[in-house]
C-alpha atoms as a PDB file:
ATOM      1  CA  MET A   1     -39.126-116.347  19.492  1.00  0.00           C
ATOM      2  CA  THR A   2     -38.606-118.892  16.826  1.00  0.00           C
ATOM      3  CA  GLY A   3     -40.118-122.332  17.103  1.00  0.00           C
ATOM      4  CA  THR A   4     -43.195-121.492  19.156  1.00  0.00           C
ATOM      5  CA  HIS A   5     -45.742-121.763  16.329  1.00  0.00           C
ATOM      6  CA  GLN A   6     -49.146-123.041  17.383  1.00  0.00           C
ATOM      7  CA  ASP A   7     -52.057-124.627  15.525  1.00  0.00           C
ATOM      8  CA  SER A   8     -55.640-124.493  16.744  1.00  0.00           C
ATOM      9  CA  ASP A   9     -56.128-128.051  15.449  1.00  0.00           C
ATOM     10  CA  ARG A  10     -52.576-129.409  15.255  1.00  0.00           C
ATOM     11  CA  LYS A  11     -49.477-129.088  17.418  1.00  0.00           C
ATOM     12  CA  GLY A  12     -45.864-128.637  16.375  1.00  0.00           C
ATOM     13  CA  PRO A  13     -44.173-126.587  13.680  1.00  0.00           C
ATOM     14  CA  GLY A  14     -43.067-127.818  10.304  1.00  0.00           C
ATOM     15  CA  ASN A  15     -39.397-128.741  10.407  1.00  0.00           C
ATOM     16  CA  GLY A  16     -36.761-129.662   7.866  1.00  0.00           C
ATOM     17  CA  ASN A  17     -33.276-128.965   6.583  1.00  0.00           C
ATOM     18  CA  SER A  18     -32.077-127.677   3.233  1.00  0.00           C
ATOM     19  CA  ASP A  19     -30.435-130.160   0.889  1.00  0.00           C
ATOM     20  CA  HIS A  20     -27.243-128.107   0.540  1.00  0.00           C
ATOM     21  CA  ASP A  21     -25.207-125.461   2.330  1.00  0.00           C
ATOM     22  CA  PRO A  22     -25.916-122.042   0.712  1.00  0.00           C
ATOM     23  CA  VAL A  23     -23.343-120.313   2.893  1.00  0.00           C
ATOM     24  CA  ALA A  24     -20.518-122.434   1.530  1.00  0.00           C
ATOM     25  CA  THR A  25     -21.686-121.650  -2.015  1.00  0.00           C
ATOM     26  CA  LEU A  26     -21.751-117.892  -1.341  1.00  0.00           C
ATOM     27  CA  MET A  27     -18.299-117.952   0.242  1.00  0.00           C
ATOM     28  CA  ARG A  28     -16.854-119.876  -2.733  1.00  0.00           C
ATOM     29  CA  GLN A  29     -18.200-117.239  -5.123  1.00  0.00           C
ATOM     30  CA  ALA A  30     -16.418-114.381  -3.354  1.00  0.00           C
ATOM     31  CA  ARG A  31     -13.286-112.793  -4.791  1.00  0.00           C
ATOM     32  CA  PRO A  32     -10.007-114.159  -3.385  1.00  0.00           C
ATOM     33  CA  ARG A  33      -8.703-112.312  -0.356  1.00  0.00           C
ATOM     34  CA  PRO A  34      -5.782-112.877   2.014  1.00  0.00           C
ATOM     35  CA  ARG A  35      -6.486-115.985   4.069  1.00  0.00           C
ATOM     36  CA  PRO A  36      -7.359-115.317   7.721  1.00  0.00           C
ATOM     37  CA  PRO A  37      -6.194-117.635  10.497  1.00  0.00           C
ATOM     38  CA  GLN A  38      -7.986-121.008  10.388  1.00  0.00           C
ATOM     39  CA  ASP A  39      -9.840-120.436  13.655  1.00  0.00           C
ATOM     40  CA  VAL A  40     -11.141-117.046  12.481  1.00  0.00           C
ATOM     41  CA  GLU A  41     -12.282-118.462   9.161  1.00  0.00           C
ATOM     42  CA  GLU A  42     -14.162-121.291  10.865  1.00  0.00           C
ATOM     43  CA  GLN A  43     -15.747-118.827  13.315  1.00  0.00           C
ATOM     44  CA  VAL A  44     -16.989-116.549  10.535  1.00  0.00           C
ATOM     45  CA  HIS A  45     -18.403-119.412   8.501  1.00  0.00           C
ATOM     46  CA  ALA A  46     -20.188-120.758  11.597  1.00  0.00           C
ATOM     47  CA  ALA A  47     -21.579-117.307  12.345  1.00  0.00           C
ATOM     48  CA  VAL A  48     -22.998-116.816   8.833  1.00  0.00           C
ATOM     49  CA  HIS A  49     -24.376-120.326   8.731  1.00  0.00           C
ATOM     50  CA  ALA A  50     -26.116-119.837  12.084  1.00  0.00           C
ATOM     51  CA  GLU A  51     -27.732-116.597  10.914  1.00  0.00           C
ATOM     52  CA  TRP A  52     -28.803-118.184   7.611  1.00  0.00           C
ATOM     53  CA  GLN A  53     -30.395-121.101   9.459  1.00  0.00           C
ATOM     54  CA  LYS A  54     -32.209-118.687  11.767  1.00  0.00           C
ATOM     55  CA  LEU A  55     -33.797-116.965   8.770  1.00  0.00           C
ATOM     56  CA  THR A  56     -34.610-120.148   6.839  1.00  0.00           C
ATOM     57  CA  GLN A  57     -36.032-122.634   9.302  1.00  0.00           C
ATOM     58  CA  GLY A  58     -38.646-124.994   7.938  1.00  0.00           C
ATOM     59  CA  LYS A  59     -39.087-127.024   4.787  1.00  0.00           C
ATOM     60  CA  ARG A  60     -38.661-125.537   1.367  1.00  0.00           C
ATOM     61  CA  ARG A  61     -41.562-126.295  -0.952  1.00  0.00           C
ATOM     62  CA  ASN A  62     -42.038-125.506  -4.637  1.00  0.00           C
ATOM     63  CA  LYS A  63     -45.796-125.768  -5.150  1.00  0.00           C
ATOM     64  CA  ALA A  64     -46.732-122.075  -5.215  1.00  0.00           C
ATOM     65  CA  THR A  65     -45.047-118.695  -5.414  1.00  0.00           C
ATOM     66  CA  THR A  66     -45.647-115.174  -4.137  1.00  0.00           C
ATOM     67  CA  TYR A  67     -43.727-112.328  -5.784  1.00  0.00           C
ATOM     68  CA  LEU A  68     -42.452-109.384  -3.765  1.00  0.00           C
ATOM     69  CA  ALA A  69     -40.828-106.067  -4.655  1.00  0.00           C
ATOM     70  CA  VAL A  70     -37.059-106.425  -5.088  1.00  0.00           C
ATOM     71  CA  ALA A  71     -35.300-103.754  -3.033  1.00  0.00           C
ATOM     72  CA  ALA A  72     -32.530-105.287  -0.879  1.00  0.00           C
ATOM     73  CA  SER A  73     -29.803-107.840  -1.442  1.00  0.00           C
ATOM     74  CA  VAL A  74     -28.027-110.568   0.465  1.00  0.00           C
ATOM     75  CA  VAL A  75     -24.839-109.426  -1.282  1.00  0.00           C
ATOM     76  CA  VAL A  76     -24.436-106.663   1.328  1.00  0.00           C
ATOM     77  CA  PHE A  77     -24.560-109.184   4.160  1.00  0.00           C
ATOM     78  CA  VAL A  78     -22.169-111.576   2.442  1.00  0.00           C
ATOM     79  CA  ALA A  79     -19.769-108.713   1.680  1.00  0.00           C
ATOM     80  CA  LEU A  80     -19.658-107.827   5.357  1.00  0.00           C
ATOM     81  CA  ILE A  81     -18.916-111.445   6.250  1.00  0.00           C
ATOM     82  CA  ILE A  82     -16.106-111.665   3.710  1.00  0.00           C
ATOM     83  CA  GLN A  83     -14.699-108.398   5.003  1.00  0.00           C
ATOM     84  CA  PHE A  84     -14.889-109.773   8.541  1.00  0.00           C
ATOM     85  CA  ALA A  85     -12.870-112.837   7.510  1.00  0.00           C
ATOM     86  CA  GLY A  86     -10.511-111.216   5.047  1.00  0.00           C
ATOM     87  CA  PRO A  87      -8.506-108.389   6.626  1.00  0.00           C
ATOM     88  CA  GLY A  88      -7.571-110.182   9.855  1.00  0.00           C
ATOM     89  CA  SER A  89      -4.078-111.548  10.279  1.00  0.00           C
ATOM     90  CA  PRO A  90      -2.077-112.920  13.216  1.00  0.00           C
ATOM     91  CA  GLY A  91      -0.015-109.729  13.444  1.00  0.00           C
ATOM     92  CA  GLU A  92      -2.859-107.234  13.142  1.00  0.00           C
ATOM     93  CA  ALA A  93      -2.788-104.823  16.099  1.00  0.00           C
ATOM     94  CA  ASN A  94      -6.496-104.006  16.271  1.00  0.00           C
ATOM     95  CA  PRO A  95      -8.635-106.678  14.597  1.00  0.00           C
ATOM     96  CA  PRO A  96     -12.308-105.689  14.165  1.00  0.00           C
ATOM     97  CA  VAL A  97     -14.815-106.744  16.799  1.00  0.00           C
ATOM     98  CA  GLY A  98     -17.823-105.994  14.603  1.00  0.00           C
ATOM     99  CA  PHE A  99     -19.264-104.238  11.556  1.00  0.00           C
ATOM    100  CA  SER A 100     -22.092-101.790  11.123  1.00  0.00           C
ATOM    101  CA  GLY A 101     -25.236-103.013   9.424  1.00  0.00           C
ATOM    102  CA  LYS A 102     -28.274-100.785   9.311  1.00  0.00           C
ATOM    103  CA  VAL A 103     -27.658 -97.107  10.138  1.00  0.00           C
ATOM    104  CA  VAL A 104     -30.563 -94.773  10.920  1.00  0.00           C
ATOM    105  CA  GLY A 105     -30.074 -91.026  11.372  1.00  0.00           C
ATOM    106  CA  HIS A 106     -26.788 -89.704  12.723  1.00  0.00           C
ATOM    107  CA  VAL A 107     -24.404 -92.130  14.432  1.00  0.00           C
ATOM    108  CA  THR A 108     -20.728 -91.412  15.127  1.00  0.00           C
ATOM    109  CA  VAL A 109     -17.759 -93.381  16.442  1.00  0.00           C
ATOM    110  CA  GLU A 110     -15.025 -91.967  18.681  1.00  0.00           C
ATOM    111  CA  ASN A 111     -11.485 -93.346  18.449  1.00  0.00           C
ATOM    112  CA  ALA A 112      -9.866 -94.708  21.565  1.00  0.00           C
ATOM    113  CA  ASP A 113      -6.519 -92.931  21.136  1.00  0.00           C
ATOM    114  CA  ASP A 114      -7.474 -89.344  20.286  1.00  0.00           C
ATOM    115  CA  ALA A 115     -11.283 -89.204  20.830  1.00  0.00           C
ATOM    116  CA  ALA A 116     -11.688 -87.961  17.246  1.00  0.00           C
ATOM    117  CA  SER A 117     -15.154 -88.801  15.917  1.00  0.00           C
ATOM    118  CA  SER A 118     -16.482 -89.661  12.467  1.00  0.00           C
ATOM    119  CA  ASP A 119     -19.848 -90.599  10.992  1.00  0.00           C
ATOM    120  CA  VAL A 120     -20.683 -94.300  10.899  1.00  0.00           C
ATOM    121  CA  THR A 121     -21.495 -95.766   7.486  1.00  0.00           C
ATOM    122  CA  VAL A 122     -22.850 -99.174   6.466  1.00  0.00           C
ATOM    123  CA  GLY A 123     -20.147-101.831   6.452  1.00  0.00           C
ATOM    124  CA  GLN A 124     -17.746 -99.900   8.670  1.00  0.00           C
ATOM    125  CA  SER A 125     -15.541-101.938  10.995  1.00  0.00           C
ATOM    126  CA  PHE A 126     -15.234-101.273  14.723  1.00  0.00           C
ATOM    127  CA  GLU A 127     -12.230-101.809  16.971  1.00  0.00           C
ATOM    128  CA  ALA A 128     -11.901-102.387  20.698  1.00  0.00           C
ATOM    129  CA  GLY A 129     -11.689 -99.118  22.608  1.00  0.00           C
ATOM    130  CA  GLN A 130     -13.967 -97.131  20.318  1.00  0.00           C
ATOM    131  CA  VAL A 131     -17.190 -95.504  21.539  1.00  0.00           C
ATOM    132  CA  ILE A 132     -20.327 -95.479  19.373  1.00  0.00           C
ATOM    133  CA  VAL A 133     -22.665 -92.499  19.881  1.00  0.00           C
ATOM    134  CA  SER A 134     -26.193 -92.154  18.488  1.00  0.00           C
ATOM    135  CA  SER A 135     -28.092 -88.870  18.204  1.00  0.00           C
ATOM    136  CA  SER A 136     -31.811 -88.240  18.648  1.00  0.00           C
ATOM    137  CA  ASN A 137     -34.039 -90.268  16.270  1.00  0.00           C
ATOM    138  CA  SER A 138     -31.041 -92.399  15.306  1.00  0.00           C
ATOM    139  CA  GLY A 139     -29.923 -95.997  15.753  1.00  0.00           C
ATOM    140  CA  LEU A 140     -27.460 -98.644  14.623  1.00  0.00           C
ATOM    141  CA  ALA A 141     -27.353-102.389  14.079  1.00  0.00           C
ATOM    142  CA  VAL A 142     -23.944-104.029  14.581  1.00  0.00           C
ATOM    143  CA  MET A 143     -22.939-107.483  13.395  1.00  0.00           C
ATOM    144  CA  TRP A 144     -20.772-108.742  16.250  1.00  0.00           C
ATOM    145  CA  GLN A 145     -18.609-111.824  16.463  1.00  0.00           C
ATOM    146  CA  GLN A 146     -20.255-115.248  16.930  1.00  0.00           C
ATOM    147  CA  ALA A 147     -23.283-114.116  14.851  1.00  0.00           C
ATOM    148  CA  ILE A 148     -24.451-111.866  17.694  1.00  0.00           C
ATOM    149  CA  SER A 149     -26.551-108.843  16.757  1.00  0.00           C
ATOM    150  CA  ILE A 150     -26.172-105.647  18.806  1.00  0.00           C
ATOM    151  CA  ARG A 151     -28.580-102.761  18.247  1.00  0.00           C
ATOM    152  CA  LEU A 152     -28.104 -99.275  19.635  1.00  0.00           C
ATOM    153  CA  ASP A 153     -31.085 -97.009  20.368  1.00  0.00           C
ATOM    154  CA  GLU A 154     -31.174 -93.240  20.007  1.00  0.00           C
ATOM    155  CA  GLU A 155     -29.212 -90.977  22.380  1.00  0.00           C
ATOM    156  CA  SER A 156     -26.974 -93.828  23.485  1.00  0.00           C
ATOM    157  CA  ARG A 157     -23.242 -94.319  24.101  1.00  0.00           C
ATOM    158  CA  LEU A 158     -21.592 -97.725  23.851  1.00  0.00           C
ATOM    159  CA  ARG A 159     -17.908 -98.423  24.539  1.00  0.00           C
ATOM    160  CA  LEU A 160     -16.466-101.463  22.728  1.00  0.00           C
ATOM    161  CA  VAL A 161     -14.147-102.769  25.434  1.00  0.00           C
ATOM    162  CA  SER A 162     -13.196-106.035  23.713  1.00  0.00           C
ATOM    163  CA  ALA A 163     -14.684-108.842  21.645  1.00  0.00           C
ATOM    164  CA  GLY A 164     -16.246-110.176  24.852  1.00  0.00           C
ATOM    165  CA  VAL A 165     -17.255-106.973  26.660  1.00  0.00           C
ATOM    166  CA  VAL A 166     -19.243-103.860  25.766  1.00  0.00           C
ATOM    167  CA  GLU A 167     -19.904-101.035  28.221  1.00  0.00           C
ATOM    168  CA  LEU A 168     -23.212 -99.205  28.018  1.00  0.00           C
ATOM    169  CA  LEU A 169     -22.550 -95.665  29.227  1.00  0.00           C
ATOM    170  CA  GLN A 170     -25.940 -94.205  28.327  1.00  0.00           C
ATOM    171  CA  GLY A 171     -29.182 -95.182  26.618  1.00  0.00           C
ATOM    172  CA  ARG A 172     -30.310 -98.614  25.405  1.00  0.00           C
ATOM    173  CA  ILE A 173     -28.967-101.599  23.535  1.00  0.00           C
ATOM    174  CA  TYR A 174     -30.558-104.854  22.385  1.00  0.00           C
ATOM    175  CA  ILE A 175     -28.653-108.109  21.983  1.00  0.00           C
ATOM    176  CA  ASP A 176     -29.749-111.158  20.001  1.00  0.00           C
ATOM    177  CA  THR A 177     -27.439-114.174  20.081  1.00  0.00           C
ATOM    178  CA  GLY A 178     -29.320-115.759  17.170  1.00  0.00           C
ATOM    179  CA  ALA A 179     -29.117-119.476  16.469  1.00  0.00           C
ATOM    180  CA  ASN A 180     -25.459-119.818  17.471  1.00  0.00           C
ATOM    181  CA  LYS A 181     -25.556-121.810  20.715  1.00  0.00           C
ATOM    182  CA  ASN A 182     -21.746-121.587  20.993  1.00  0.00           C
ATOM    183  CA  ALA A 183     -22.101-117.840  21.645  1.00  0.00           C
ATOM    184  CA  THR A 184     -23.791-118.387  25.014  1.00  0.00           C
ATOM    185  CA  GLY A 185     -22.135-116.297  27.716  1.00  0.00           C
ATOM    186  CA  GLN A 186     -19.432-114.939  25.425  1.00  0.00           C
ATOM    187  CA  LEU A 187     -20.603-111.315  25.541  1.00  0.00           C
ATOM    188  CA  ARG A 188     -20.944-109.277  28.723  1.00  0.00           C
ATOM    189  CA  VAL A 189     -22.650-105.892  29.053  1.00  0.00           C
ATOM    190  CA  LYS A 190     -21.005-103.685  31.648  1.00  0.00           C
ATOM    191  CA  THR A 191     -23.052-100.868  33.220  1.00  0.00           C
ATOM    192  CA  PRO A 192     -22.436 -98.481  36.139  1.00  0.00           C
ATOM    193  CA  HIS A 193     -24.633-100.740  38.291  1.00  0.00           C
ATOM    194  CA  GLY A 194     -23.345-104.212  37.399  1.00  0.00           C
ATOM    195  CA  ILE A 195     -22.489-106.660  34.641  1.00  0.00           C
ATOM    196  CA  PHE A 196     -25.047-108.582  32.576  1.00  0.00           C
ATOM    197  CA  ARG A 197     -24.153-111.789  30.733  1.00  0.00           C
ATOM    198  CA  HIS A 198     -26.489-113.458  28.253  1.00  0.00           C
ATOM    199  CA  LEU A 199     -27.302-117.161  28.502  1.00  0.00           C
ATOM    200  CA  GLY A 200     -28.507-117.698  24.933  1.00  0.00           C
ATOM    201  CA  THR A 201     -31.060-114.983  24.626  1.00  0.00           C
ATOM    202  CA  GLN A 202     -32.650-111.809  23.348  1.00  0.00           C
ATOM    203  CA  PHE A 203     -32.546-108.966  25.834  1.00  0.00           C
ATOM    204  CA  MET A 204     -32.516-105.202  26.161  1.00  0.00           C
ATOM    205  CA  THR A 205     -30.392-103.178  28.576  1.00  0.00           C
ATOM    206  CA  ARG A 206     -31.039 -99.562  29.541  1.00  0.00           C
ATOM    207  CA  VAL A 207     -28.786 -97.287  31.587  1.00  0.00           C
ATOM    208  CA  MET A 208     -30.120 -94.272  33.442  1.00  0.00           C
ATOM    209  CA  PRO A 209     -28.411 -92.065  36.062  1.00  0.00           C
ATOM    210  CA  THR A 210     -29.812 -93.926  39.067  1.00  0.00           C
ATOM    211  CA  GLU A 211     -30.450 -97.447  37.736  1.00  0.00           C
ATOM    212  CA  SER A 212     -29.866-100.039  35.047  1.00  0.00           C
ATOM    213  CA  ILE A 213     -32.667-102.170  33.617  1.00  0.00           C
ATOM    214  CA  VAL A 214     -32.501-105.441  31.682  1.00  0.00           C
ATOM    215  CA  SER A 215     -35.616-106.833  29.954  1.00  0.00           C
ATOM    216  CA  VAL A 216     -35.404-110.451  28.795  1.00  0.00           C
ATOM    217  CA  ARG A 217     -37.408-111.479  25.756  1.00  0.00           C
ATOM    218  CA  GLU A 218     -35.978-114.984  25.331  1.00  0.00           C
ATOM    219  CA  GLY A 219     -33.518-117.181  27.234  1.00  0.00           C
ATOM    220  CA  SER A 220     -32.072-115.696  30.424  1.00  0.00           C
ATOM    221  CA  VAL A 221     -29.523-113.168  31.658  1.00  0.00           C
ATOM    222  CA  SER A 222     -27.230-113.282  34.684  1.00  0.00           C
ATOM    223  CA  TYR A 223     -26.459-110.181  36.742  1.00  0.00           C
ATOM    224  CA  GLN A 224     -23.240-109.690  38.701  1.00  0.00           C
ATOM    225  CA  PRO A 225     -23.076-106.735  41.125  1.00  0.00           C
ATOM    226  CA  VAL A 226     -20.240-104.241  41.225  1.00  0.00           C
ATOM    227  CA  LYS A 227     -18.216-103.531  44.342  1.00  0.00           C
ATOM    228  CA  GLY A 228     -19.904-101.303  46.883  1.00  0.00           C
ATOM    229  CA  GLY A 229     -23.448-102.555  46.266  1.00  0.00           C
ATOM    230  CA  SER A 230     -25.814-104.208  48.724  1.00  0.00           C
ATOM    231  CA  GLN A 231     -24.921-107.671  47.340  1.00  0.00           C
ATOM    232  CA  PRO A 232     -21.465-109.289  47.451  1.00  0.00           C
ATOM    233  CA  PRO A 233     -19.428-108.727  44.248  1.00  0.00           C
ATOM    234  CA  GLY A 234     -19.405-112.422  43.272  1.00  0.00           C
ATOM    235  CA  ALA A 235     -23.152-113.012  43.636  1.00  0.00           C
ATOM    236  CA  LEU A 236     -25.225-113.849  40.555  1.00  0.00           C
ATOM    237  CA  GLU A 237     -28.926-113.229  39.942  1.00  0.00           C
ATOM    238  CA  ILE A 238     -30.627-114.931  36.997  1.00  0.00           C
ATOM    239  CA  THR A 239     -33.422-113.153  35.133  1.00  0.00           C
ATOM    240  CA  PRO A 240     -35.560-115.470  32.940  1.00  0.00           C
ATOM    241  CA  ALA A 241     -37.582-114.694  29.825  1.00  0.00           C
ATOM    242  CA  GLY A 242     -40.608-112.482  30.446  1.00  0.00           C
ATOM    243  CA  GLN A 243     -38.968-110.655  33.343  1.00  0.00           C
ATOM    244  CA  ARG A 244     -37.382-107.235  33.832  1.00  0.00           C
ATOM    245  CA  LEU A 245     -34.581-106.721  36.347  1.00  0.00           C
ATOM    246  CA  THR A 246     -33.985-103.245  37.766  1.00  0.00           C
ATOM    247  CA  VAL A 247     -30.715-102.544  39.579  1.00  0.00           C
ATOM    248  CA  THR A 248     -30.505 -99.297  41.568  1.00  0.00           C
ATOM    249  CA  PHE A 249     -27.471 -97.151  42.271  1.00  0.00           C
ATOM    250  CA  ASN A 250     -26.984 -98.811  45.681  1.00  0.00           C
ATOM    251  CA  GLY A 251     -27.206-102.345  44.278  1.00  0.00           C
ATOM    252  CA  GLU A 252     -30.780-103.176  45.238  1.00  0.00           C
ATOM    253  CA  THR A 253     -32.629-105.336  42.701  1.00  0.00           C
ATOM    254  CA  ARG A 254     -36.242-106.083  41.849  1.00  0.00           C
ATOM    255  CA  GLN A 255     -37.863-108.206  39.166  1.00  0.00           C
ATOM    256  CA  GLN A 256     -41.228-107.779  37.482  1.00  0.00           C
ATOM    257  CA  ALA A 257     -43.064-109.237  34.510  1.00  0.00           C
ATOM    258  CA  VAL A 258     -42.515-107.630  31.106  1.00  0.00           C
ATOM    259  CA  PRO A 259     -44.138-108.495  27.738  1.00  0.00           C
ATOM    260  CA  ALA A 260     -41.881-109.719  24.947  1.00  0.00           C
ATOM    261  CA  TRP A 261     -43.588-107.439  22.437  1.00  0.00           C
ATOM    262  CA  GLY A 262     -45.013-103.960  22.195  1.00  0.00           C
ATOM    263  CA  GLY A 263     -44.006-100.328  22.419  1.00  0.00           C
ATOM    264  CA  GLU A 264     -40.718-100.542  24.277  1.00  0.00           C
ATOM    265  CA  TRP A 265     -39.417-103.066  21.717  1.00  0.00           C
ATOM    266  CA  ALA A 266     -40.530-101.072  18.661  1.00  0.00           C
ATOM    267  CA  TRP A 267     -37.144 -99.409  18.159  1.00  0.00           C
ATOM    268  CA  VAL A 268     -35.550-102.885  18.000  1.00  0.00           C
ATOM    269  CA  GLU A 269     -37.837-103.878  15.128  1.00  0.00           C
ATOM    270  CA  SER A 270     -36.920-100.713  13.222  1.00  0.00           C
ATOM    271  CA  LEU A 271     -33.284-101.872  13.132  1.00  0.00           C
ATOM    272  CA  ALA A 272     -34.026-105.465  12.075  1.00  0.00           C
ATOM    273  CA  THR A 273     -31.952-106.983   9.293  1.00  0.00           C
ATOM    274  CA  LYS A 274     -34.058-107.277   6.149  1.00  0.00           C
ATOM    275  CA  PHE A 275     -35.405-110.743   5.426  1.00  0.00           C
ATOM    276  CA  ILE A 276     -33.763-112.622   2.550  1.00  0.00           C
ATOM    277  CA  ALA A 277     -37.029-113.683   0.930  1.00  0.00           C
ATOM    278  CA  ASP A 278     -36.034-115.020  -2.487  1.00  0.00           C
ATOM    279  CA  GLY A 279     -36.609-118.782  -2.552  1.00  0.00           C
ATOM    280  CA  ARG A 280     -37.853-118.941   1.043  1.00  0.00           C
ATOM    281  CA  THR A 281     -41.405-119.782   2.115  1.00  0.00           C
ATOM    282  CA  ILE A 282     -44.001-117.688   3.903  1.00  0.00           C
ATOM    283  CA  ASP A 283     -43.608-119.952   6.943  1.00  0.00           C
ATOM    284  CA  GLN A 284     -39.890-119.134   7.069  1.00  0.00           C
ATOM    285  CA  MET A 285     -40.664-115.424   6.806  1.00  0.00           C
ATOM    286  CA  LEU A 286     -43.084-115.794   9.713  1.00  0.00           C
ATOM    287  CA  ASN A 287     -40.284-117.377  11.788  1.00  0.00           C
ATOM    288  CA  TRP A 288     -38.292-114.197  11.194  1.00  0.00           C
ATOM    289  CA  VAL A 289     -41.213-111.954  12.160  1.00  0.00           C
ATOM    290  CA  GLU A 290     -41.777-114.008  15.309  1.00  0.00           C
ATOM    291  CA  SER A 291     -38.124-113.672  16.337  1.00  0.00           C
ATOM    292  CA  GLU A 292     -37.929-109.944  15.576  1.00  0.00           C
ATOM    293  CA  THR A 293     -41.200-108.896  17.227  1.00  0.00           C
ATOM    294  CA  GLY A 294     -41.544-111.301  20.157  1.00  0.00           C
ATOM    295  CA  ARG A 295     -45.067-112.157  19.020  1.00  0.00           C
ATOM    296  CA  THR A 296     -46.161-115.797  18.706  1.00  0.00           C
ATOM    297  CA  ILE A 297     -47.338-117.150  15.347  1.00  0.00           C
ATOM    298  CA  ASN A 298     -50.664-118.944  15.767  1.00  0.00           C
ATOM    299  CA  TYR A 299     -52.012-120.878  12.782  1.00  0.00           C
ATOM    300  CA  GLN A 300     -55.768-121.120  13.052  1.00  0.00           C
ATOM    301  CA  THR A 301     -56.000-124.195  10.833  1.00  0.00           C
ATOM    302  CA  THR A 302     -53.759-126.889   9.431  1.00  0.00           C
ATOM    303  CA  ALA A 303     -54.688-125.709   5.927  1.00  0.00           C
ATOM    304  CA  ALA A 304     -53.310-122.247   6.673  1.00  0.00           C
ATOM    305  CA  ARG A 305     -50.026-123.723   7.907  1.00  0.00           C
ATOM    306  CA  GLN A 306     -49.710-125.952   4.863  1.00  0.00           C
ATOM    307  CA  LEU A 307     -50.291-123.017   2.530  1.00  0.00           C
ATOM    308  CA  ALA A 308     -47.621-120.996   4.333  1.00  0.00           C
ATOM    309  CA  GLU A 309     -45.165-123.901   4.140  1.00  0.00           C
ATOM    310  CA  ASN A 310     -45.844-124.494   0.438  1.00  0.00           C
ATOM    311  CA  THR A 311     -45.839-120.884  -0.816  1.00  0.00           C
ATOM    312  CA  GLU A 312     -42.454-119.699  -2.026  1.00  0.00           C
ATOM    313  CA  LEU A 313     -41.477-116.033  -2.019  1.00  0.00           C
ATOM    314  CA  HIS A 314     -39.522-114.196  -4.706  1.00  0.00           C
ATOM    315  CA  GLY A 315     -37.656-110.925  -4.343  1.00  0.00           C
ATOM    316  CA  GLN A 316     -36.671-109.151  -1.135  1.00  0.00           C
ATOM    317  CA  LEU A 317     -38.780-107.770   1.707  1.00  0.00           C
ATOM    318  CA  ASP A 318     -37.361-104.293   2.222  1.00  0.00           C
ATOM    319  CA  ALA A 319     -39.639-103.643   5.169  1.00  0.00           C
ATOM    320  CA  GLU A 320     -39.780-103.845   8.927  1.00  0.00           C
ATOM    321  CA  PRO A 321     -41.294-107.084  10.294  1.00  0.00           C
ATOM    322  CA  LEU A 322     -44.888-105.934  10.794  1.00  0.00           C
ATOM    323  CA  GLU A 323     -44.875-104.105   7.465  1.00  0.00           C
ATOM    324  CA  ALA A 324     -43.601-107.299   5.836  1.00  0.00           C
ATOM    325  CA  LEU A 325     -46.663-109.089   7.215  1.00  0.00           C
ATOM    326  CA  LYS A 326     -48.932-106.587   5.461  1.00  0.00           C
ATOM    327  CA  ILE A 327     -47.128-107.141   2.160  1.00  0.00           C
ATOM    328  CA  VAL A 328     -47.507-110.915   2.411  1.00  0.00           C
ATOM    329  CA  ALA A 329     -51.168-110.586   3.378  1.00  0.00           C
ATOM    330  CA  LEU A 330     -51.814-108.501   0.259  1.00  0.00           C
ATOM    331  CA  THR A 331     -49.987-110.877  -2.074  1.00  0.00           C
ATOM    332  CA  SER A 332     -51.104-114.275  -0.777  1.00  0.00           C
ATOM    333  CA  ASP A 333     -54.255-116.204   0.144  1.00  0.00           C
ATOM    334  CA  LEU A 334     -53.550-115.890   3.862  1.00  0.00           C
ATOM    335  CA  ASP A 335     -55.460-113.705   6.286  1.00  0.00           C
ATOM    336  CA  ILE A 336     -53.017-112.256   8.831  1.00  0.00           C
ATOM    337  CA  ALA A 337     -54.133-110.453  11.983  1.00  0.00           C
ATOM    338  CA  VAL A 338     -51.932-109.045  14.774  1.00  0.00           C
ATOM    339  CA  ARG A 339     -53.693-109.306  18.130  1.00  0.00           C
ATOM    340  CA  ASN A 340     -51.504-108.122  20.999  1.00  0.00           C
ATOM    341  CA  GLY A 341     -48.824-110.787  21.497  1.00  0.00           C
ATOM    342  CA  GLU A 342     -50.096-113.141  18.797  1.00  0.00           C
ATOM    343  CA  ILE A 343     -50.105-113.163  15.000  1.00  0.00           C
ATOM    344  CA  GLU A 344     -53.085-115.197  13.813  1.00  0.00           C
ATOM    345  CA  ILE A 345     -52.798-116.887  10.417  1.00  0.00           C
ATOM    346  CA  ASP A 346     -55.827-118.245   8.554  1.00  0.00           C
ATOM    347  CA  LEU A 347     -57.052-118.759   5.013  1.00  0.00           C
ATOM    348  CA  LYS A 348     -58.822-115.865   3.352  1.00  0.00           C
ATOM    349  CA  GLN A 349     -62.521-116.404   3.022  1.00  0.00           C
ATOM    350  CA  PRO A 350     -64.020-116.120  -0.493  1.00  0.00           C
ATOM    351  CA  ASP A 351     -65.921-112.916  -1.168  1.00  0.00           C
END
């Protein structure tokens, strides 16, 4: 939940913008490909730029450095973006609606025309009508249009109806609309018990035989009943952040409080996109951890915040968010402690 940093002795996060557009530079360095339609090209560039900004909020400083193990590369992400923009053409019958990112375990995709299935690999494109299926101890992160991230939990089935609709047949998915405000409301999740539409948010949807459940971490989600339920088909119910909405088979609904962090969100963190650390600051990395885990960053002192803002990272953090915190704690002068829904940041005390 980016932007909720707290200080014990000072309020407000450090803000700032980069002096140039790194996305434009990366796109210019790509090999020439057939030009997509202008609206598609603009959409892809906006999507990448929004995701980049999400990962790199805050001021860049050059007063100190922390070196990390190099294990991942932004090239993979950029390659997916270029592939997203490149193959499309006005006459293409089935343009891609998304691409696979991180793949864990065994995940397959079933074709719409013949139901033939194949294993999903990193960078694979998906078309409307296909069904993604995850096995036990497996999961998938999908880069959707409008910079939306969709993550599929184990033992789940997700039908890709169109660029604007996915149908959860079984299991759980997580959706993060990122920093792209233009994506609000442009993706609906259809379930046997109703339709959920995001309103600029992070939320998780689970489908079980007798009910569907949506848990909202950030923003809000609207629910529209299906025909035959206890509510009229056109009625909308809004679920805000920190709430869980349960919809039963007969259309009855109930809301209850739900934490934005913890055990039921752990699978989401395991499918997080790796942080592009090289040249970014610790404070920017903490923004990423905050967004991926739902925990609030709490600087104990102004000095700790300033150190985080001024310490530049080098290399790549090939680790899940909470593991990345441990790496930074070992390689910097910051003391980092996770206490329930907060991540407390302070200066290390001398021995």
